[in-house]
Amino acid sequence: MDILNSGRAKFYKNTRSNAIKIFRVLKKSNELGEGYLSISEIARRTGLHRWTVSRTVDLWMGHFIEMVIPEELEHVGLRIKLVRLANPDIDEKSMIRSMSIRF
C-alpha cells in the first residue's frame, strides 16, 4: 500500500513486534521497581538498535509511556531519553489492541 493512497502513516514491518519487546522490558522494569530506563538500556535488553527503540517509542508508544529528558545534561550536549510506563496496570493485550487501531 502506498503512503499517498492509504492516508496512514508508514511503518516498518517489525514495528508491532518491536513495540511488544519494548513494552515487555518496561513492564518487567516496573515490576522490579527500577523506575526510568534509558533508550540505550531498553535497546540492550531487547536486542534492538537504539535508533529503532527511540523511533518506536516516539512514534508508536507515546500514549503508553512517560518520557523525561534531563535538561542538566542537555547543557553539556548530552541528550538522554528516560522512559517508563505511564500506567503500570496496562497489560500487553490492551497495548496491542490500542496499537492495532493506529496500524
PDB file of N, CA and C in Angstrom:
ATOM      1  N   MET A   1       0.828  -1.173   0.000  1.00  0.00           N
ATOM      2  CA  MET A   1       0.000   0.000   0.000  1.00  0.00           C
ATOM      3  C   MET A   1       0.880   1.246   0.000  1.00  0.00           C
ATOM      4  N   ASP A   2       0.575   2.152  -0.833  1.00  0.00           N
ATOM      5  CA  ASP A   2       1.317   3.388  -0.957  1.00  0.00           C
ATOM      6  C   ASP A   2       0.876   4.371   0.116  1.00  0.00           C
ATOM      7  N   ILE A   3       1.827   5.079   0.711  1.00  0.00           N
ATOM      8  CA  ILE A   3       1.504   6.034   1.779  1.00  0.00           C
ATOM      9  C   ILE A   3       0.596   7.149   1.270  1.00  0.00           C
ATOM     10  N   LEU A   4       0.741   7.532   0.008  1.00  0.00           N
ATOM     11  CA  LEU A   4      -0.094   8.605  -0.534  1.00  0.00           C
ATOM     12  C   LEU A   4      -1.536   8.157  -0.711  1.00  0.00           C
ATOM     13  N   ASN A   5      -1.739   6.894  -1.010  1.00  0.00           N
ATOM     14  CA  ASN A   5      -3.086   6.386  -1.248  1.00  0.00           C
ATOM     15  C   ASN A   5      -3.762   5.880   0.012  1.00  0.00           C
ATOM     16  N   SER A   6      -2.992   5.485   0.991  1.00  0.00           N
ATOM     17  CA  SER A   6      -3.571   4.868   2.180  1.00  0.00           C
ATOM     18  C   SER A   6      -4.074   5.882   3.200  1.00  0.00           C
ATOM     19  N   GLY A   7      -3.458   7.056   3.243  1.00  0.00           N
ATOM     20  CA  GLY A   7      -3.852   8.040   4.244  1.00  0.00           C
ATOM     21  C   GLY A   7      -3.340   7.727   5.634  1.00  0.00           C
ATOM     22  N   ARG A   8      -2.537   6.685   5.775  1.00  0.00           N
ATOM     23  CA  ARG A   8      -1.998   6.289   7.073  1.00  0.00           C
ATOM     24  C   ARG A   8      -0.496   6.514   7.099  1.00  0.00           C
ATOM     25  N   ALA A   9       0.032   6.617   8.295  1.00  0.00           N
ATOM     26  CA  ALA A   9       1.477   6.760   8.450  1.00  0.00           C
ATOM     27  C   ALA A   9       2.162   5.459   8.062  1.00  0.00           C
ATOM     28  N   LYS A  10       3.296   5.564   7.433  1.00  0.00           N
ATOM     29  CA  LYS A  10       4.046   4.379   7.028  1.00  0.00           C
ATOM     30  C   LYS A  10       4.843   3.865   8.226  1.00  0.00           C
ATOM     31  N   PHE A  11       4.907   2.559   8.385  1.00  0.00           N
ATOM     32  CA  PHE A  11       5.678   1.975   9.475  1.00  0.00           C
ATOM     33  C   PHE A  11       6.465   0.788   8.944  1.00  0.00           C
ATOM     34  N   TYR A  12       7.508   0.451   9.661  1.00  0.00           N
ATOM     35  CA  TYR A  12       8.348  -0.665   9.278  1.00  0.00           C
ATOM     36  C   TYR A  12       7.648  -1.974   9.604  1.00  0.00           C
ATOM     37  N   LYS A  13       8.027  -3.054   8.907  1.00  0.00           N
ATOM     38  CA  LYS A  13       7.324  -4.320   9.039  1.00  0.00           C
ATOM     39  C   LYS A  13       7.394  -4.924  10.440  1.00  0.00           C
ATOM     40  N   ASN A  14       8.430  -4.632  11.208  1.00  0.00           N
ATOM     41  CA  ASN A  14       8.588  -5.213  12.544  1.00  0.00           C
ATOM     42  C   ASN A  14       8.157  -4.276  13.663  1.00  0.00           C
ATOM     43  N   THR A  15       7.494  -3.201  13.339  1.00  0.00           N
ATOM     44  CA  THR A  15       7.149  -2.205  14.347  1.00  0.00           C
ATOM     45  C   THR A  15       6.338  -2.805  15.485  1.00  0.00           C
ATOM     46  N   ARG A  16       5.338  -3.592  15.159  1.00  0.00           N
ATOM     47  CA  ARG A  16       4.476  -4.166  16.204  1.00  0.00           C
ATOM     48  C   ARG A  16       5.270  -5.094  17.122  1.00  0.00           C
ATOM     49  N   SER A  17       6.092  -5.982  16.566  1.00  0.00           N
ATOM     50  CA  SER A  17       6.871  -6.901  17.415  1.00  0.00           C
ATOM     51  C   SER A  17       7.919  -6.137  18.222  1.00  0.00           C
ATOM     52  N   ASN A  18       8.482  -5.076  17.655  1.00  0.00           N
ATOM     53  CA  ASN A  18       9.438  -4.251  18.400  1.00  0.00           C
ATOM     54  C   ASN A  18       8.750  -3.548  19.564  1.00  0.00           C
ATOM     55  N   ALA A  19       7.549  -3.035  19.323  1.00  0.00           N
ATOM     56  CA  ALA A  19       6.798  -2.363  20.391  1.00  0.00           C
ATOM     57  C   ALA A  19       6.473  -3.339  21.517  1.00  0.00           C
ATOM     58  N   ILE A  20       6.154  -4.563  21.170  1.00  0.00           N
ATOM     59  CA  ILE A  20       5.857  -5.574  22.185  1.00  0.00           C
ATOM     60  C   ILE A  20       7.103  -5.890  23.003  1.00  0.00           C
ATOM     61  N   LYS A  21       8.256  -6.015  22.347  1.00  0.00           N
ATOM     62  CA  LYS A  21       9.515  -6.245  23.071  1.00  0.00           C
ATOM     63  C   LYS A  21       9.807  -5.106  24.039  1.00  0.00           C
ATOM     64  N   ILE A  22       9.637  -3.884  23.565  1.00  0.00           N
ATOM     65  CA  ILE A  22       9.890  -2.707  24.405  1.00  0.00           C
ATOM     66  C   ILE A  22       8.915  -2.682  25.573  1.00  0.00           C
ATOM     67  N   PHE A  23       7.640  -2.953  25.300  1.00  0.00           N
ATOM     68  CA  PHE A  23       6.629  -2.973  26.352  1.00  0.00           C
ATOM     69  C   PHE A  23       6.989  -3.995  27.430  1.00  0.00           C
ATOM     70  N   ARG A  24       7.403  -5.184  27.006  1.00  0.00           N
ATOM     71  CA  ARG A  24       7.751  -6.232  27.978  1.00  0.00           C
ATOM     72  C   ARG A  24       8.924  -5.824  28.857  1.00  0.00           C
ATOM     73  N   VAL A  25       9.906  -5.161  28.275  1.00  0.00           N
ATOM     74  CA  VAL A  25      11.052  -4.687  29.059  1.00  0.00           C
ATOM     75  C   VAL A  25      10.599  -3.631  30.066  1.00  0.00           C
ATOM     76  N   LEU A  26       9.762  -2.705  29.623  1.00  0.00           N
ATOM     77  CA  LEU A  26       9.281  -1.652  30.525  1.00  0.00           C
ATOM     78  C   LEU A  26       8.392  -2.230  31.625  1.00  0.00           C
ATOM     79  N   LYS A  27       7.572  -3.205  31.291  1.00  0.00           N
ATOM     80  CA  LYS A  27       6.703  -3.852  32.276  1.00  0.00           C
ATOM     81  C   LYS A  27       7.541  -4.578  33.334  1.00  0.00           C
ATOM     82  N   LYS A  28       8.540  -5.319  32.868  1.00  0.00           N
ATOM     83  CA  LYS A  28       9.424  -6.051  33.798  1.00  0.00           C
ATOM     84  C   LYS A  28      10.186  -5.069  34.684  1.00  0.00           C
ATOM     85  N   SER A  29      10.656  -3.977  34.096  1.00  0.00           N
ATOM     86  CA  SER A  29      11.371  -2.956  34.851  1.00  0.00           C
ATOM     87  C   SER A  29      10.479  -2.371  35.943  1.00  0.00           C
ATOM     88  N   ASN A  30       9.229  -2.142  35.614  1.00  0.00           N
ATOM     89  CA  ASN A  30       8.280  -1.603  36.585  1.00  0.00           C
ATOM     90  C   ASN A  30       8.039  -2.599  37.714  1.00  0.00           C
ATOM     91  N   GLU A  31       7.908  -3.879  37.369  1.00  0.00           N
ATOM     92  CA  GLU A  31       7.687  -4.917  38.384  1.00  0.00           C
ATOM     93  C   GLU A  31       8.870  -5.029  39.335  1.00  0.00           C
ATOM     94  N   LEU A  32      10.078  -4.774  38.803  1.00  0.00           N
ATOM     95  CA  LEU A  32      11.282  -4.845  39.637  1.00  0.00           C
ATOM     96  C   LEU A  32      11.546  -3.530  40.373  1.00  0.00           C
ATOM     97  N   GLY A  33      10.725  -2.514  40.110  1.00  0.00           N
ATOM     98  CA  GLY A  33      10.877  -1.226  40.783  1.00  0.00           C
ATOM     99  C   GLY A  33      12.069  -0.421  40.304  1.00  0.00           C
ATOM    100  N   GLU A  34      12.463  -0.605  39.055  1.00  0.00           N
ATOM    101  CA  GLU A  34      13.651   0.077  38.534  1.00  0.00           C
ATOM    102  C   GLU A  34      13.395   1.524  38.115  1.00  0.00           C
ATOM    103  N   GLY A  35      12.158   1.898  37.912  1.00  0.00           N
ATOM    104  CA  GLY A  35      11.869   3.276  37.508  1.00  0.00           C
ATOM    105  C   GLY A  35      12.154   3.502  36.032  1.00  0.00           C
ATOM    106  N   TYR A  36      12.747   4.652  35.724  1.00  0.00           N
ATOM    107  CA  TYR A  36      13.014   5.024  34.337  1.00  0.00           C
ATOM    108  C   TYR A  36      14.188   4.235  33.767  1.00  0.00           C
ATOM    109  N   LEU A  37      14.093   3.894  32.471  1.00  0.00           N
ATOM    110  CA  LEU A  37      15.189   3.256  31.740  1.00  0.00           C
ATOM    111  C   LEU A  37      15.582   4.157  30.581  1.00  0.00           C
ATOM    112  N   SER A  38      16.856   4.180  30.254  1.00  0.00           N
ATOM    113  CA  SER A  38      17.317   4.946  29.097  1.00  0.00           C
ATOM    114  C   SER A  38      17.016   4.155  27.825  1.00  0.00           C
ATOM    115  N   ILE A  39      16.966   4.850  26.704  1.00  0.00           N
ATOM    116  CA  ILE A  39      16.765   4.204  25.411  1.00  0.00           C
ATOM    117  C   ILE A  39      17.862   3.156  25.183  1.00  0.00           C
ATOM    118  N   SER A  40      19.097   3.482  25.563  1.00  0.00           N
ATOM    119  CA  SER A  40      20.213   2.547  25.391  1.00  0.00           C
ATOM    120  C   SER A  40      20.007   1.271  26.205  1.00  0.00           C
ATOM    121  N   GLU A  41      19.505   1.400  27.417  1.00  0.00           N
ATOM    122  CA  GLU A  41      19.267   0.230  28.264  1.00  0.00           C
ATOM    123  C   GLU A  41      18.134  -0.627  27.693  1.00  0.00           C
ATOM    124  N   ILE A  42      17.090   0.008  27.210  1.00  0.00           N
ATOM    125  CA  ILE A  42      15.991  -0.737  26.582  1.00  0.00           C
ATOM    126  C   ILE A  42      16.513  -1.470  25.354  1.00  0.00           C
ATOM    127  N   ALA A  43      17.344  -0.786  24.557  1.00  0.00           N
ATOM    128  CA  ALA A  43      17.921  -1.407  23.363  1.00  0.00           C
ATOM    129  C   ALA A  43      18.765  -2.620  23.738  1.00  0.00           C
ATOM    130  N   ARG A  44      19.550  -2.491  24.788  1.00  0.00           N
ATOM    131  CA  ARG A  44      20.399  -3.604  25.227  1.00  0.00           C
ATOM    132  C   ARG A  44      19.547  -4.793  25.669  1.00  0.00           C
ATOM    133  N   ARG A  45      18.492  -4.527  26.414  1.00  0.00           N
ATOM    134  CA  ARG A  45      17.652  -5.618  26.933  1.00  0.00           C
ATOM    135  C   ARG A  45      16.791  -6.274  25.853  1.00  0.00           C
ATOM    136  N   THR A  46      16.413  -5.530  24.830  1.00  0.00           N
ATOM    137  CA  THR A  46      15.579  -6.086  23.766  1.00  0.00           C
ATOM    138  C   THR A  46      16.386  -6.667  22.619  1.00  0.00           C
ATOM    139  N   GLY A  47      17.638  -6.243  22.501  1.00  0.00           N
ATOM    140  CA  GLY A  47      18.455  -6.665  21.370  1.00  0.00           C
ATOM    141  C   GLY A  47      18.194  -5.846  20.118  1.00  0.00           C
ATOM    142  N   LEU A  48      17.465  -4.744  20.259  1.00  0.00           N
ATOM    143  CA  LEU A  48      17.175  -3.853  19.142  1.00  0.00           C
ATOM    144  C   LEU A  48      18.202  -2.731  19.084  1.00  0.00           C
ATOM    145  N   HIS A  49      18.307  -2.091  17.952  1.00  0.00           N
ATOM    146  CA  HIS A  49      19.196  -0.936  17.802  1.00  0.00           C
ATOM    147  C   HIS A  49      18.590   0.265  18.538  1.00  0.00           C
ATOM    148  N   ARG A  50      19.440   1.140  19.063  1.00  0.00           N
ATOM    149  CA  ARG A  50      18.968   2.330  19.792  1.00  0.00           C
ATOM    150  C   ARG A  50      18.036   3.179  18.935  1.00  0.00           C
ATOM    151  N   TRP A  51      18.368   3.361  17.665  1.00  0.00           N
ATOM    152  CA  TRP A  51      17.537   4.171  16.776  1.00  0.00           C
ATOM    153  C   TRP A  51      16.142   3.558  16.650  1.00  0.00           C
ATOM    154  N   THR A  52      16.079   2.236  16.531  1.00  0.00           N
ATOM    155  CA  THR A  52      14.797   1.544  16.406  1.00  0.00           C
ATOM    156  C   THR A  52      13.958   1.744  17.660  1.00  0.00           C
ATOM    157  N   VAL A  53      14.572   1.609  18.820  1.00  0.00           N
ATOM    158  CA  VAL A  53      13.857   1.804  20.087  1.00  0.00           C
ATOM    159  C   VAL A  53      13.365   3.245  20.200  1.00  0.00           C
ATOM    160  N   SER A  54      14.227   4.196  19.927  1.00  0.00           N
ATOM    161  CA  SER A  54      13.865   5.607  20.037  1.00  0.00           C
ATOM    162  C   SER A  54      12.713   5.949  19.096  1.00  0.00           C
ATOM    163  N   ARG A  55      12.795   5.495  17.867  1.00  0.00           N
ATOM    164  CA  ARG A  55      11.758   5.789  16.872  1.00  0.00           C
ATOM    165  C   ARG A  55      10.435   5.132  17.249  1.00  0.00           C
ATOM    166  N   THR A  56      10.472   3.888  17.684  1.00  0.00           N
ATOM    167  CA  THR A  56       9.245   3.178  18.067  1.00  0.00           C
ATOM    168  C   THR A  56       8.591   3.853  19.263  1.00  0.00           C
ATOM    169  N   VAL A  57       9.388   4.226  20.249  1.00  0.00           N
ATOM    170  CA  VAL A  57       8.854   4.896  21.434  1.00  0.00           C
ATOM    171  C   VAL A  57       8.240   6.243  21.050  1.00  0.00           C
ATOM    172  N   ASP A  58       8.936   7.015  20.232  1.00  0.00           N
ATOM    173  CA  ASP A  58       8.443   8.341  19.855  1.00  0.00           C
ATOM    174  C   ASP A  58       7.181   8.291  19.007  1.00  0.00           C
ATOM    175  N   LEU A  59       7.164   7.408  18.009  1.00  0.00           N
ATOM    176  CA  LEU A  59       6.060   7.410  17.047  1.00  0.00           C
ATOM    177  C   LEU A  59       4.864   6.555  17.440  1.00  0.00           C
ATOM    178  N   TRP A  60       5.084   5.452  18.106  1.00  0.00           N
ATOM    179  CA  TRP A  60       4.011   4.488  18.307  1.00  0.00           C
ATOM    180  C   TRP A  60       3.630   4.234  19.753  1.00  0.00           C
ATOM    181  N   MET A  61       4.462   4.634  20.707  1.00  0.00           N
ATOM    182  CA  MET A  61       4.176   4.274  22.095  1.00  0.00           C
ATOM    183  C   MET A  61       3.985   5.483  23.007  1.00  0.00           C
ATOM    184  N   GLY A  62       3.830   6.645  22.434  1.00  0.00           N
ATOM    185  CA  GLY A  62       3.748   7.872  23.215  1.00  0.00           C
ATOM    186  C   GLY A  62       2.659   7.893  24.269  1.00  0.00           C
ATOM    187  N   HIS A  63       1.527   7.251  24.000  1.00  0.00           N
ATOM    188  CA  HIS A  63       0.428   7.279  24.966  1.00  0.00           C
ATOM    189  C   HIS A  63       0.539   6.176  26.025  1.00  0.00           C
ATOM    190  N   PHE A  64       1.557   5.322  25.938  1.00  0.00           N
ATOM    191  CA  PHE A  64       1.776   4.278  26.948  1.00  0.00           C
ATOM    192  C   PHE A  64       2.894   4.623  27.920  1.00  0.00           C
ATOM    193  N   ILE A  65       3.690   5.618  27.591  1.00  0.00           N
ATOM    194  CA  ILE A  65       4.910   5.869  28.358  1.00  0.00           C
ATOM    195  C   ILE A  65       4.984   7.298  28.889  1.00  0.00           C
ATOM    196  N   GLU A  66       5.848   7.463  29.853  1.00  0.00           N
ATOM    197  CA  GLU A  66       6.277   8.783  30.324  1.00  0.00           C
ATOM    198  C   GLU A  66       7.735   8.914  29.928  1.00  0.00           C
ATOM    199  N   MET A  67       8.078  10.059  29.342  1.00  0.00           N
ATOM    200  CA  MET A  67       9.454  10.268  28.910  1.00  0.00           C
ATOM    201  C   MET A  67       9.995  11.537  29.563  1.00  0.00           C
ATOM    202  N   VAL A  68      11.226  11.445  30.049  1.00  0.00           N
ATOM    203  CA  VAL A  68      11.908  12.583  30.664  1.00  0.00           C
ATOM    204  C   VAL A  68      13.241  12.767  29.944  1.00  0.00           C
ATOM    205  N   ILE A  69      13.542  14.008  29.598  1.00  0.00           N
ATOM    206  CA  ILE A  69      14.836  14.339  29.008  1.00  0.00           C
ATOM    207  C   ILE A  69      15.490  15.352  29.947  1.00  0.00           C
ATOM    208  N   PRO A  70      16.456  14.905  30.764  1.00  0.00           N
ATOM    209  CA  PRO A  70      17.068  15.804  31.751  1.00  0.00           C
ATOM    210  C   PRO A  70      17.750  17.011  31.093  1.00  0.00           C
ATOM    211  N   GLU A  71      17.299  18.205  31.462  1.00  0.00           N
ATOM    212  CA  GLU A  71      17.849  19.430  30.887  1.00  0.00           C
ATOM    213  C   GLU A  71      19.288  19.680  31.323  1.00  0.00           C
ATOM    214  N   GLU A  72      19.639  19.230  32.514  1.00  0.00           N
ATOM    215  CA  GLU A  72      21.001  19.455  33.004  1.00  0.00           C
ATOM    216  C   GLU A  72      22.036  18.838  32.070  1.00  0.00           C
ATOM    217  N   LEU A  73      21.683  17.697  31.501  1.00  0.00           N
ATOM    218  CA  LEU A  73      22.610  17.018  30.609  1.00  0.00           C
ATOM    219  C   LEU A  73      22.618  17.628  29.205  1.00  0.00           C
ATOM    220  N   GLU A  74      21.503  18.239  28.821  1.00  0.00           N
ATOM    221  CA  GLU A  74      21.442  18.878  27.505  1.00  0.00           C
ATOM    222  C   GLU A  74      22.397  20.063  27.430  1.00  0.00           C
ATOM    223  N   HIS A  75      22.639  20.725  28.566  1.00  0.00           N
ATOM    224  CA  HIS A  75      23.535  21.886  28.591  1.00  0.00           C
ATOM    225  C   HIS A  75      24.969  21.495  28.246  1.00  0.00           C
ATOM    226  N   VAL A  76      25.319  20.252  28.482  1.00  0.00           N
ATOM    227  CA  VAL A  76      26.672  19.787  28.149  1.00  0.00           C
ATOM    228  C   VAL A  76      26.680  18.986  26.850  1.00  0.00           C
ATOM    229  N   GLY A  77      25.562  19.009  26.112  1.00  0.00           N
ATOM    230  CA  GLY A  77      25.498  18.368  24.812  1.00  0.00           C
ATOM    231  C   GLY A  77      25.109  16.902  24.831  1.00  0.00           C
ATOM    232  N   LEU A  78      24.537  16.441  25.930  1.00  0.00           N
ATOM    233  CA  LEU A  78      24.136  15.044  26.050  1.00  0.00           C
ATOM    234  C   LEU A  78      22.621  14.974  26.147  1.00  0.00           C
ATOM    235  N   ARG A  79      22.000  14.299  25.197  1.00  0.00           N
ATOM    236  CA  ARG A  79      20.543  14.171  25.204  1.00  0.00           C
ATOM    237  C   ARG A  79      20.179  12.715  25.483  1.00  0.00           C
ATOM    238  N   ILE A  80      19.628  12.487  26.656  1.00  0.00           N
ATOM    239  CA  ILE A  80      19.239  11.143  27.069  1.00  0.00           C
ATOM    240  C   ILE A  80      17.740  11.126  27.324  1.00  0.00           C
ATOM    241  N   LYS A  81      17.066  10.138  26.748  1.00  0.00           N
ATOM    242  CA  LYS A  81      15.637   9.953  26.996  1.00  0.00           C
ATOM    243  C   LYS A  81      15.489   8.875  28.060  1.00  0.00           C
ATOM    244  N   LEU A  82      14.769   9.196  29.097  1.00  0.00           N
ATOM    245  CA  LEU A  82      14.459   8.225  30.143  1.00  0.00           C
ATOM    246  C   LEU A  82      12.980   7.885  30.028  1.00  0.00           C
ATOM    247  N   VAL A  83      12.656   6.594  30.016  1.00  0.00           N
ATOM    248  CA  VAL A  83      11.309   6.129  29.703  1.00  0.00           C
ATOM    249  C   VAL A  83      10.812   5.163  30.763  1.00  0.00           C
ATOM    250  N   ARG A  84       9.503   5.233  31.045  1.00  0.00           N
ATOM    251  CA  ARG A  84       8.834   4.233  31.880  1.00  0.00           C
ATOM    252  C   ARG A  84       7.365   4.165  31.461  1.00  0.00           C
ATOM    253  N   LEU A  85       6.670   3.130  31.897  1.00  0.00           N
ATOM    254  CA  LEU A  85       5.261   3.005  31.578  1.00  0.00           C
ATOM    255  C   LEU A  85       4.466   4.076  32.306  1.00  0.00           C
ATOM    256  N   ALA A  86       3.539   4.712  31.598  1.00  0.00           N
ATOM    257  CA  ALA A  86       2.689   5.724  32.220  1.00  0.00           C
ATOM    258  C   ALA A  86       1.685   5.071  33.162  1.00  0.00           C
ATOM    259  N   ASN A  87       1.143   3.933  32.745  1.00  0.00           N
ATOM    260  CA  ASN A  87       0.180   3.204  33.554  1.00  0.00           C
ATOM    261  C   ASN A  87       0.718   1.795  33.786  1.00  0.00           C
ATOM    262  N   PRO A  88       1.246   1.522  34.965  1.00  0.00           N
ATOM    263  CA  PRO A  88       1.839   0.211  35.228  1.00  0.00           C
ATOM    264  C   PRO A  88       0.816  -0.929  35.195  1.00  0.00           C
ATOM    265  N   ASP A  89      -0.482  -0.613  35.264  1.00  0.00           N
ATOM    266  CA  ASP A  89      -1.511  -1.651  35.289  1.00  0.00           C
ATOM    267  C   ASP A  89      -1.928  -2.123  33.901  1.00  0.00           C
ATOM    268  N   ILE A  90      -1.484  -1.449  32.854  1.00  0.00           N
ATOM    269  CA  ILE A  90      -1.863  -1.860  31.498  1.00  0.00           C
ATOM    270  C   ILE A  90      -1.229  -3.207  31.183  1.00  0.00           C
ATOM    271  N   ASP A  91      -1.999  -4.059  30.521  1.00  0.00           N
ATOM    272  CA  ASP A  91      -1.457  -5.355  30.147  1.00  0.00           C
ATOM    273  C   ASP A  91      -1.117  -5.370  28.655  1.00  0.00           C
ATOM    274  N   GLU A  92      -0.384  -6.394  28.263  1.00  0.00           N
ATOM    275  CA  GLU A  92       0.112  -6.482  26.886  1.00  0.00           C
ATOM    276  C   GLU A  92      -1.035  -6.530  25.876  1.00  0.00           C
ATOM    277  N   LYS A  93      -2.091  -7.247  26.207  1.00  0.00           N
ATOM    278  CA  LYS A  93      -3.228  -7.382  25.304  1.00  0.00           C
ATOM    279  C   LYS A  93      -3.880  -6.023  25.029  1.00  0.00           C
ATOM    280  N   SER A  94      -4.026  -5.213  26.061  1.00  0.00           N
ATOM    281  CA  SER A  94      -4.602  -3.873  25.893  1.00  0.00           C
ATOM    282  C   SER A  94      -3.700  -2.990  25.049  1.00  0.00           C
ATOM    283  N   MET A  95      -2.403  -3.116  25.264  1.00  0.00           N
ATOM    284  CA  MET A  95      -1.444  -2.327  24.491  1.00  0.00           C
ATOM    285  C   MET A  95      -1.508  -2.707  23.018  1.00  0.00           C
ATOM    286  N   ILE A  96      -1.570  -4.001  22.731  1.00  0.00           N
ATOM    287  CA  ILE A  96      -1.631  -4.468  21.345  1.00  0.00           C
ATOM    288  C   ILE A  96      -2.935  -4.008  20.698  1.00  0.00           C
ATOM    289  N   ARG A  97      -4.026  -4.105  21.413  1.00  0.00           N
ATOM    290  CA  ARG A  97      -5.321  -3.683  20.882  1.00  0.00           C
ATOM    291  C   ARG A  97      -5.312  -2.195  20.563  1.00  0.00           C
ATOM    292  N   SER A  98      -4.749  -1.416  21.442  1.00  0.00           N
ATOM    293  CA  SER A  98      -4.675   0.025  21.228  1.00  0.00           C
ATOM    294  C   SER A  98      -3.779   0.370  20.048  1.00  0.00           C
ATOM    295  N   MET A  99      -2.672  -0.346  19.924  1.00  0.00           N
ATOM    296  CA  MET A  99      -1.760  -0.097  18.802  1.00  0.00           C
ATOM    297  C   MET A  99      -2.373  -0.540  17.482  1.00  0.00           C
ATOM    298  N   SER A 100      -3.225  -1.564  17.504  1.00  0.00           N
ATOM    299  CA  SER A 100      -3.860  -2.049  16.276  1.00  0.00           C
ATOM    300  C   SER A 100      -4.710  -0.961  15.626  1.00  0.00           C
ATOM    301  N   ILE A 101      -5.259  -0.117  16.426  1.00  0.00           N
ATOM    302  CA  ILE A 101      -6.070   0.990  15.908  1.00  0.00           C
ATOM    303  C   ILE A 101      -5.199   1.928  15.090  1.00  0.00           C
ATOM    304  N   ARG A 102      -3.962   2.130  15.534  1.00  0.00           N
ATOM    305  CA  ARG A 102      -3.065   3.033  14.840  1.00  0.00           C
ATOM    306  C   ARG A 102      -2.469   2.419  13.581  1.00  0.00           C
ATOM    307  N   PHE A 103      -2.334   1.086  13.540  1.00  0.00           N
ATOM    308  CA  PHE A 103      -1.732   0.429  12.367  1.00  0.00           C
ATOM    309  C   PHE A 103      -2.718   0.318  11.296  1.00  0.00           C
TER     310      PHE A 103
END
